[in-house]
Amino acid sequence: MIKLNIHEAKTHLSKYLELVSKGETILLCKRNIPIAEIRSIPQKHQSKRP
């Protein structure tokens, strides 16, 4: 789990979203108090349509 303040997350959002897409979880903090958790959404396996 990566712990970030809001400024750091805003500055490098693309970088951190890439890590989230690879399975990392981010704890977003305001003044070192956790306010949100960012994690990837499990992908559903879709069957092919005929």
PDB file of N, CA and C in Angstrom:
ATOM      1  N   MET A   1       0.852  -1.181   0.000  1.00  0.00           N
ATOM      2  CA  MET A   1       0.000   0.000   0.000  1.00  0.00           C
ATOM      3  C   MET A   1       0.893   1.238   0.000  1.00  0.00           C
ATOM      4  N   ILE A   2       0.535   2.184  -0.840  1.00  0.00           N
ATOM      5  CA  ILE A   2       1.260   3.445  -0.950  1.00  0.00           C
ATOM      6  C   ILE A   2       0.446   4.524  -0.242  1.00  0.00           C
ATOM      7  N   LYS A   3       1.103   5.311   0.604  1.00  0.00           N
ATOM      8  CA  LYS A   3       0.436   6.396   1.326  1.00  0.00           C
ATOM      9  C   LYS A   3       0.866   7.724   0.697  1.00  0.00           C
ATOM     10  N   LEU A   4      -0.121   8.528   0.243  1.00  0.00           N
ATOM     11  CA  LEU A   4       0.169   9.787  -0.440  1.00  0.00           C
ATOM     12  C   LEU A   4      -0.639  10.932   0.143  1.00  0.00           C
ATOM     13  N   ASN A   5      -0.051  12.129   0.088  1.00  0.00           N
ATOM     14  CA  ASN A   5      -0.863  13.306   0.391  1.00  0.00           C
ATOM     15  C   ASN A   5      -1.529  13.766  -0.908  1.00  0.00           C
ATOM     16  N   ILE A   6      -2.508  14.620  -0.787  1.00  0.00           N
ATOM     17  CA  ILE A   6      -3.300  15.040  -1.947  1.00  0.00           C
ATOM     18  C   ILE A   6      -2.435  15.725  -3.003  1.00  0.00           C
ATOM     19  N   HIS A   7      -1.525  16.590  -2.584  1.00  0.00           N
ATOM     20  CA  HIS A   7      -0.672  17.302  -3.541  1.00  0.00           C
ATOM     21  C   HIS A   7       0.155  16.322  -4.372  1.00  0.00           C
ATOM     22  N   GLU A   8       0.762  15.346  -3.722  1.00  0.00           N
ATOM     23  CA  GLU A   8       1.575  14.353  -4.434  1.00  0.00           C
ATOM     24  C   GLU A   8       0.718  13.557  -5.419  1.00  0.00           C
ATOM     25  N   ALA A   9      -0.471  13.183  -5.004  1.00  0.00           N
ATOM     26  CA  ALA A   9      -1.363  12.420  -5.882  1.00  0.00           C
ATOM     27  C   ALA A   9      -1.761  13.246  -7.105  1.00  0.00           C
ATOM     28  N   LYS A  10      -2.079  14.521  -6.903  1.00  0.00           N
ATOM     29  CA  LYS A  10      -2.464  15.383  -8.020  1.00  0.00           C
ATOM     30  C   LYS A  10      -1.298  15.613  -8.973  1.00  0.00           C
ATOM     31  N   THR A  11      -0.113  15.776  -8.430  1.00  0.00           N
ATOM     32  CA  THR A  11       1.063  16.065  -9.239  1.00  0.00           C
ATOM     33  C   THR A  11       1.445  14.890 -10.138  1.00  0.00           C
ATOM     34  N   HIS A  12       1.301  13.673  -9.628  1.00  0.00           N
ATOM     35  CA  HIS A  12       1.735  12.479 -10.361  1.00  0.00           C
ATOM     36  C   HIS A  12       0.588  11.485 -10.548  1.00  0.00           C
ATOM     37  N   LEU A  13      -0.601  11.990 -10.838  1.00  0.00           N
ATOM     38  CA  LEU A  13      -1.793  11.145 -10.924  1.00  0.00           C
ATOM     39  C   LEU A  13      -1.636  10.000 -11.922  1.00  0.00           C
ATOM     40  N   SER A  14      -1.140  10.277 -13.103  1.00  0.00           N
ATOM     41  CA  SER A  14      -0.995   9.231 -14.130  1.00  0.00           C
ATOM     42  C   SER A  14      -0.100   8.096 -13.647  1.00  0.00           C
ATOM     43  N   LYS A  15       0.994   8.448 -13.022  1.00  0.00           N
ATOM     44  CA  LYS A  15       1.936   7.449 -12.497  1.00  0.00           C
ATOM     45  C   LYS A  15       1.248   6.546 -11.477  1.00  0.00           C
ATOM     46  N   TYR A  16       0.502   7.136 -10.558  1.00  0.00           N
ATOM     47  CA  TYR A  16      -0.136   6.348  -9.505  1.00  0.00           C
ATOM     48  C   TYR A  16      -1.317   5.541 -10.027  1.00  0.00           C
ATOM     49  N   LEU A  17      -2.034   6.053 -11.010  1.00  0.00           N
ATOM     50  CA  LEU A  17      -3.122   5.275 -11.600  1.00  0.00           C
ATOM     51  C   LEU A  17      -2.582   4.056 -12.343  1.00  0.00           C
ATOM     52  N   GLU A  18      -1.420   4.179 -12.938  1.00  0.00           N
ATOM     53  CA  GLU A  18      -0.784   3.035 -13.586  1.00  0.00           C
ATOM     54  C   GLU A  18      -0.456   1.955 -12.554  1.00  0.00           C
ATOM     55  N   LEU A  19       0.052   2.366 -11.394  1.00  0.00           N
ATOM     56  CA  LEU A  19       0.342   1.401 -10.330  1.00  0.00           C
ATOM     57  C   LEU A  19      -0.938   0.739  -9.821  1.00  0.00           C
ATOM     58  N   VAL A  20      -1.997   1.521  -9.695  1.00  0.00           N
ATOM     59  CA  VAL A  20      -3.289   0.973  -9.261  1.00  0.00           C
ATOM     60  C   VAL A  20      -3.784  -0.063 -10.264  1.00  0.00           C
ATOM     61  N   SER A  21      -3.630   0.217 -11.544  1.00  0.00           N
ATOM     62  CA  SER A  21      -4.091  -0.724 -12.568  1.00  0.00           C
ATOM     63  C   SER A  21      -3.321  -2.041 -12.515  1.00  0.00           C
ATOM     64  N   LYS A  22      -2.132  -2.017 -11.913  1.00  0.00           N
ATOM     65  CA  LYS A  22      -1.321  -3.230 -11.775  1.00  0.00           C
ATOM     66  C   LYS A  22      -1.556  -3.925 -10.435  1.00  0.00           C
ATOM     67  N   GLY A  23      -2.512  -3.415  -9.643  1.00  0.00           N
ATOM     68  CA  GLY A  23      -2.872  -4.095  -8.401  1.00  0.00           C
ATOM     69  C   GLY A  23      -2.478  -3.388  -7.117  1.00  0.00           C
ATOM     70  N   GLU A  24      -1.757  -2.291  -7.210  1.00  0.00           N
ATOM     71  CA  GLU A  24      -1.343  -1.547  -6.010  1.00  0.00           C
ATOM     72  C   GLU A  24      -2.542  -0.809  -5.423  1.00  0.00           C
ATOM     73  N   THR A  25      -2.521  -0.602  -4.117  1.00  0.00           N
ATOM     74  CA  THR A  25      -3.551   0.169  -3.428  1.00  0.00           C
ATOM     75  C   THR A  25      -2.919   1.452  -2.913  1.00  0.00           C
ATOM     76  N   ILE A  26      -3.651   2.559  -3.022  1.00  0.00           N
ATOM     77  CA  ILE A  26      -3.153   3.856  -2.572  1.00  0.00           C
ATOM     78  C   ILE A  26      -4.049   4.376  -1.460  1.00  0.00           C
ATOM     79  N   LEU A  27      -3.418   4.818  -0.387  1.00  0.00           N
ATOM     80  CA  LEU A  27      -4.126   5.449   0.714  1.00  0.00           C
ATOM     81  C   LEU A  27      -3.909   6.953   0.578  1.00  0.00           C
ATOM     82  N   LEU A  28      -4.972   7.688   0.328  1.00  0.00           N
ATOM     83  CA  LEU A  28      -4.903   9.129   0.108  1.00  0.00           C
ATOM     84  C   LEU A  28      -5.143   9.842   1.435  1.00  0.00           C
ATOM     85  N   CYS A  29      -4.229  10.745   1.802  1.00  0.00           N
ATOM     86  CA  CYS A  29      -4.287  11.399   3.106  1.00  0.00           C
ATOM     87  C   CYS A  29      -4.356  12.916   2.982  1.00  0.00           C
ATOM     88  N   LYS A  30      -5.012  13.524   3.954  1.00  0.00           N
ATOM     89  CA  LYS A  30      -5.051  14.975   4.084  1.00  0.00           C
ATOM     90  C   LYS A  30      -4.504  15.292   5.463  1.00  0.00           C
ATOM     91  N   ARG A  31      -3.369  15.994   5.485  1.00  0.00           N
ATOM     92  CA  ARG A  31      -2.668  16.290   6.736  1.00  0.00           C
ATOM     93  C   ARG A  31      -2.365  15.015   7.520  1.00  0.00           C
ATOM     94  N   ASN A  32      -1.904  14.001   6.791  1.00  0.00           N
ATOM     95  CA  ASN A  32      -1.536  12.688   7.331  1.00  0.00           C
ATOM     96  C   ASN A  32      -2.692  11.910   7.939  1.00  0.00           C
ATOM     97  N   ILE A  33      -3.919  12.299   7.638  1.00  0.00           N
ATOM     98  CA  ILE A  33      -5.100  11.562   8.088  1.00  0.00           C
ATOM     99  C   ILE A  33      -5.716  10.900   6.858  1.00  0.00           C
ATOM    100  N   PRO A  34      -5.830   9.573   6.853  1.00  0.00           N
ATOM    101  CA  PRO A  34      -6.405   8.881   5.696  1.00  0.00           C
ATOM    102  C   PRO A  34      -7.836   9.333   5.416  1.00  0.00           C
ATOM    103  N   ILE A  35      -8.100   9.651   4.141  1.00  0.00           N
ATOM    104  CA  ILE A  35      -9.453  10.080   3.767  1.00  0.00           C
ATOM    105  C   ILE A  35     -10.043   9.217   2.655  1.00  0.00           C
ATOM    106  N   ALA A  36      -9.194   8.488   1.926  1.00  0.00           N
ATOM    107  CA  ALA A  36      -9.712   7.660   0.836  1.00  0.00           C
ATOM    108  C   ALA A  36      -8.710   6.568   0.494  1.00  0.00           C
ATOM    109  N   GLU A  37      -9.236   5.505  -0.084  1.00  0.00           N
ATOM    110  CA  GLU A  37      -8.408   4.414  -0.573  1.00  0.00           C
ATOM    111  C   GLU A  37      -8.715   4.233  -2.055  1.00  0.00           C
ATOM    112  N   ILE A  38      -7.671   4.164  -2.857  1.00  0.00           N
ATOM    113  CA  ILE A  38      -7.835   3.979  -4.299  1.00  0.00           C
ATOM    114  C   ILE A  38      -7.292   2.598  -4.642  1.00  0.00           C
ATOM    115  N   ARG A  39      -8.136   1.781  -5.264  1.00  0.00           N
ATOM    116  CA  ARG A  39      -7.719   0.438  -5.663  1.00  0.00           C
ATOM    117  C   ARG A  39      -8.417   0.071  -6.964  1.00  0.00           C
ATOM    118  N   SER A  40      -7.871  -0.916  -7.628  1.00  0.00           N
ATOM    119  CA  SER A  40      -8.459  -1.313  -8.908  1.00  0.00           C
ATOM    120  C   SER A  40      -9.758  -2.080  -8.686  1.00  0.00           C
ATOM    121  N   ILE A  41     -10.596  -2.043  -9.698  1.00  0.00           N
ATOM    122  CA  ILE A  41     -11.862  -2.768  -9.682  1.00  0.00           C
ATOM    123  C   ILE A  41     -11.619  -4.117 -10.346  1.00  0.00           C
ATOM    124  N   PRO A  42     -12.039  -5.206  -9.698  1.00  0.00           N
ATOM    125  CA  PRO A  42     -11.852  -6.524 -10.328  1.00  0.00           C
ATOM    126  C   PRO A  42     -12.559  -6.583 -11.680  1.00  0.00           C
ATOM    127  N   GLN A  43     -11.861  -7.097 -12.666  1.00  0.00           N
ATOM    128  CA  GLN A  43     -12.418  -7.197 -14.012  1.00  0.00           C
ATOM    129  C   GLN A  43     -13.281  -8.444 -14.117  1.00  0.00           C
ATOM    130  N   LYS A  44     -14.452  -8.297 -14.700  1.00  0.00           N
ATOM    131  CA  LYS A  44     -15.333  -9.432 -14.947  1.00  0.00           C
ATOM    132  C   LYS A  44     -14.928 -10.068 -16.269  1.00  0.00           C
ATOM    133  N   HIS A  45     -14.947 -11.371 -16.292  1.00  0.00           N
ATOM    134  CA  HIS A  45     -14.670 -12.076 -17.541  1.00  0.00           C
ATOM    135  C   HIS A  45     -15.935 -12.061 -18.380  1.00  0.00           C
ATOM    136  N   GLN A  46     -15.829 -11.491 -19.544  1.00  0.00           N
ATOM    137  CA  GLN A  46     -16.982 -11.419 -20.430  1.00  0.00           C
ATOM    138  C   GLN A  46     -16.887 -12.524 -21.465  1.00  0.00           C
ATOM    139  N   SER A  47     -17.991 -13.206 -21.653  1.00  0.00           N
ATOM    140  CA  SER A  47     -18.016 -14.233 -22.691  1.00  0.00           C
ATOM    141  C   SER A  47     -18.223 -13.558 -24.047  1.00  0.00           C
ATOM    142  N   LYS A  48     -17.709 -14.196 -25.067  1.00  0.00           N
ATOM    143  CA  LYS A  48     -17.847 -13.644 -26.412  1.00  0.00           C
ATOM    144  C   LYS A  48     -19.286 -13.780 -26.880  1.00  0.00           C
ATOM    145  N   ARG A  49     -19.738 -12.782 -27.576  1.00  0.00           N
ATOM    146  CA  ARG A  49     -21.084 -12.821 -28.141  1.00  0.00           C
ATOM    147  C   ARG A  49     -21.058 -13.573 -29.462  1.00  0.00           C
ATOM    148  N   PRO A  50     -22.101 -14.328 -29.732  1.00  0.00           N
ATOM    149  CA  PRO A  50     -22.147 -15.047 -31.024  1.00  0.00           C
ATOM    150  C   PRO A  50     -22.384 -14.105 -32.181  1.00  0.00           C
TER     151      PRO A  50
END
